[in-house]
């Protein structure tokens, strides 16, 4: 009987490979961006957020409140930095608050 070669891969490596092979990276990024937005902005801002989408390198955030939109517009660069740090890579270069 031939000896079996034991190639052990971590679950994380296998999941990354599966995501890459099945072209799921874009969808997984969308989910990660939404989760990061809700976590970093807190429940107050999240309750006024209707949608969060990543298109190319632009984060598009739909908000119910014009006052909140104005307040967040003053800290766009800080939000970009915080989101990129949370996501672990420079995905976002611009934010559009609508």
Protein backbone atom coordinates (compact mmCIF):
# COMPACT_ATOMS: atom_id res chain seq x y z
CA UNK A 1 0.00 0.00 0.00
CA UNK A 2 1.30 3.43 -0.90
CA UNK A 3 1.82 5.96 1.82
CA UNK A 4 -0.63 8.78 1.83
CA UNK A 5 0.88 12.25 1.58
CA UNK A 6 -0.50 14.44 4.29
CA UNK A 7 -0.94 17.97 3.01
CA UNK A 8 -2.59 19.94 5.73
CA UNK A 9 -4.13 23.28 4.96
CA UNK A 10 -5.79 25.58 7.42
CA UNK A 11 -9.53 26.23 7.11
CA UNK A 12 -8.75 29.89 6.46
CA UNK A 13 -6.52 29.02 3.48
CA UNK A 14 -9.13 26.64 2.09
CA UNK A 15 -11.89 29.27 2.43
CA UNK A 16 -9.75 31.89 0.65
CA UNK A 17 -9.05 29.44 -2.15
CA UNK A 18 -12.74 28.54 -2.44
CA UNK A 19 -13.75 32.21 -2.54
CA UNK A 20 -11.13 32.99 -5.20
CA UNK A 21 -11.94 29.97 -7.40
CA UNK A 22 -15.68 30.67 -7.31
CA UNK A 23 -15.25 34.42 -7.93
CA UNK A 24 -16.96 35.39 -4.67
CA UNK A 25 -14.43 38.05 -3.63
CA UNK A 26 -16.60 41.00 -4.69
CA UNK A 27 -19.62 39.77 -2.75
CA UNK A 28 -17.57 38.96 0.33
CA UNK A 29 -16.10 42.47 0.25
CA UNK A 30 -19.62 43.95 0.10
CA UNK A 31 -20.59 42.03 3.22
CA UNK A 32 -17.38 42.99 5.03
CA UNK A 33 -17.88 46.68 4.17
CA UNK A 34 -21.46 46.68 5.49
CA UNK A 35 -20.41 44.97 8.71
CA UNK A 36 -17.47 47.35 9.19
CA UNK A 37 -19.72 50.40 8.63
CA UNK A 38 -22.26 49.24 11.21
CA UNK A 39 -19.56 48.36 13.75
CA UNK A 40 -17.48 51.53 13.37
CA UNK A 41 -20.34 54.02 13.08
CA UNK A 42 -22.36 52.54 15.92
CA UNK A 43 -26.06 51.84 16.33
CA UNK A 44 -27.09 55.50 16.07
CA UNK A 45 -25.64 56.08 12.61
CA UNK A 46 -26.53 52.55 11.47
CA UNK A 47 -30.19 53.20 12.26
CA UNK A 48 -30.20 56.17 9.84
CA UNK A 49 -28.32 54.23 7.13
CA UNK A 50 -30.48 52.72 4.39
CA UNK A 51 -27.73 51.17 2.26
CA UNK A 52 -23.95 50.77 2.09
CA UNK A 53 -22.40 49.75 -1.23
CA UNK A 54 -18.88 49.48 -2.56
CA UNK A 55 -18.57 50.35 -6.24
CA UNK A 56 -15.01 50.10 -7.52
CA UNK A 57 -13.15 51.97 -4.77
CA UNK A 58 -16.02 54.29 -3.84
CA UNK A 59 -18.17 53.71 -0.77
CA UNK A 60 -21.73 54.90 -1.39
CA UNK A 61 -23.77 55.40 1.76
CA UNK A 62 -27.49 56.25 1.67
CA UNK A 63 -28.66 58.11 4.76
CA UNK A 64 -32.16 59.10 5.93
CA UNK A 65 -30.99 62.26 7.72
CA UNK A 66 -29.64 65.36 5.96
CA UNK A 67 -28.18 66.60 9.25
CA UNK A 68 -26.26 63.36 9.77
CA UNK A 69 -25.09 63.43 6.14
CA UNK A 70 -23.68 66.92 6.71
CA UNK A 71 -21.96 65.93 9.96
CA UNK A 72 -20.36 62.84 8.40
CA UNK A 73 -19.19 64.84 5.38
CA UNK A 74 -16.74 66.73 7.64
CA UNK A 75 -14.95 63.50 8.57
CA UNK A 76 -14.78 61.66 5.24
CA UNK A 77 -11.00 61.17 5.34
CA UNK A 78 -11.16 59.81 8.89
CA UNK A 79 -13.98 57.43 7.91
CA UNK A 80 -11.98 56.18 4.91
CA UNK A 81 -8.95 55.54 7.14
CA UNK A 82 -11.00 53.76 9.81
CA UNK A 83 -12.83 51.59 7.26
CA UNK A 84 -9.62 50.59 5.47
CA UNK A 85 -7.95 49.75 8.78
CA UNK A 86 -10.92 47.60 9.81
CA UNK A 87 -10.99 45.82 6.44
CA UNK A 88 -7.24 45.23 6.51
CA UNK A 89 -6.57 46.64 3.04
CA UNK A 90 -6.96 49.88 1.11
CA UNK A 91 -10.25 49.17 -0.60
CA UNK A 92 -11.93 52.57 -0.20
CA UNK A 93 -10.53 55.80 -1.69
CA UNK A 94 -13.70 57.92 -1.81
CA UNK A 95 -17.00 58.22 0.08
CA UNK A 96 -20.26 59.48 -1.37
CA UNK A 97 -22.95 60.33 1.19
CA UNK A 98 -26.39 60.43 -0.39
